[in-house]
Amino acid sequence: MEVRLRLQKSGKPAKGRYNYRVVAIARSKGRDARHLEILGHYDPAKEPANLFINLEKADKWIQSGAQMSDTVKSLVNQERDRQASEAVQS
């Protein structure tokens, strides 16, 4: 089974603004199908966008051979940068 890390819509849209979960899901499943594991969440409607990804879980899936979608790859890089800057500040 090939696994992908990608976004999954969640919650009710408020005026067309969706919240997303970052999930590990089988590649053959649809966008809203049952996920294997929730890795984080992303809310682009907030200013600034609300983003949290559990990088330990994501790294575990990546080491197991999971592929990331382009959007999730970008979000993971943003989260790594944010956590690195927080570590430098403290």
Protein backbone atom coordinates (compact mmCIF):
# COMPACT_ATOMS: atom_id res chain seq x y z
CA MET A 1 0.00 0.00 0.00
CA GLU A 2 1.46 3.32 -1.08
CA VAL A 3 0.91 6.07 1.48
CA ARG A 4 0.77 9.82 0.82
CA LEU A 5 0.82 12.75 3.19
CA ARG A 6 -1.79 15.21 1.99
CA LEU A 7 -4.53 17.63 3.02
CA GLN A 8 -8.04 16.53 3.93
CA LYS A 9 -10.94 18.99 4.22
CA SER A 10 -12.53 19.11 7.65
CA GLY A 11 -15.21 21.07 9.43
CA LYS A 12 -17.99 23.12 7.95
CA PRO A 13 -16.97 25.81 5.51
CA ALA A 14 -17.70 29.33 6.66
CA LYS A 15 -18.30 31.33 3.50
CA GLY A 16 -16.15 28.95 1.46
CA ARG A 17 -13.24 28.93 3.89
CA TYR A 18 -12.19 25.38 4.71
CA ASN A 19 -10.01 24.00 7.47
CA TYR A 20 -7.69 21.16 6.57
CA ARG A 21 -6.09 18.23 8.32
CA VAL A 22 -2.66 16.98 7.32
CA VAL A 23 -3.11 13.21 7.12
CA ALA A 24 -1.40 10.00 6.11
CA ILE A 25 -3.73 8.22 3.68
CA ALA A 26 -3.53 5.41 1.11
CA ARG A 27 -2.81 6.84 -2.33
CA SER A 28 -5.79 5.11 -3.94
CA LYS A 29 -8.30 6.71 -1.52
CA GLY A 30 -10.24 9.90 -2.23
CA ARG A 31 -9.67 13.25 -0.54
CA ASP A 32 -12.28 12.71 2.17
CA ALA A 33 -11.73 8.98 2.69
CA ARG A 34 -10.71 7.37 5.98
CA HIS A 35 -7.18 8.38 6.96
CA LEU A 36 -4.48 6.26 8.57
CA GLU A 37 -3.27 8.97 10.94
CA ILE A 38 -3.78 12.68 11.54
CA LEU A 39 -0.46 14.55 11.53
CA GLY A 40 -1.65 18.11 12.04
CA HIS A 41 -4.00 20.85 10.93
CA TYR A 42 -3.96 23.91 8.68
CA ASP A 43 -6.35 26.86 8.66
CA PRO A 44 -5.49 29.28 5.84
CA ALA A 45 -8.42 31.60 6.66
CA LYS A 46 -6.74 32.97 9.80
CA GLU A 47 -4.29 35.85 9.57
CA PRO A 48 -1.56 34.62 9.82
CA ALA A 49 -2.50 31.10 8.73
CA ASN A 50 -2.83 28.65 11.61
CA LEU A 51 -0.51 25.70 11.00
CA PHE A 52 0.56 22.80 13.21
CA ILE A 53 2.24 19.61 12.02
CA ASN A 54 3.67 16.94 14.31
CA LEU A 55 7.05 16.60 12.60
CA GLU A 56 7.97 13.43 14.51
CA LYS A 57 4.94 11.62 13.09
CA ALA A 58 5.56 13.07 9.62
CA ASP A 59 9.20 11.97 9.67
CA LYS A 60 8.13 8.47 10.75
CA TRP A 61 5.85 8.19 7.73
CA ILE A 62 8.46 9.64 5.37
CA GLN A 63 11.06 7.15 6.59
CA SER A 64 8.51 4.38 5.97
CA GLY A 65 8.31 5.46 2.32
CA ALA A 66 5.33 7.84 2.30
CA GLN A 67 5.30 10.54 -0.36
CA MET A 68 4.20 14.12 0.34
CA SER A 69 1.94 16.17 -1.89
CA ASP A 70 3.45 19.45 -3.10
CA THR A 71 1.29 21.49 -0.71
CA VAL A 72 2.13 19.35 2.31
CA LYS A 73 5.82 19.48 1.41
CA SER A 74 5.62 23.28 1.46
CA LEU A 75 3.72 23.28 4.78
CA VAL A 76 6.21 20.88 6.39
CA ASN A 77 9.08 23.15 5.33
CA GLN A 78 7.24 26.16 6.82
CA GLU A 79 6.72 24.28 10.09
CA ARG A 80 10.39 23.22 10.24
CA ASP A 81 11.47 26.85 9.68
CA ARG A 82 9.05 28.09 12.35
CA GLN A 83 10.26 25.56 14.92
CA ALA A 84 13.89 26.32 14.12
CA SER A 85 13.34 30.06 14.61
CA GLU A 86 11.56 29.41 17.92
CA ALA A 87 14.51 27.29 19.08
CA VAL A 88 16.97 30.06 18.21
CA GLN A 89 14.90 32.69 20.06
CA SER A 90 14.71 30.70 23.29
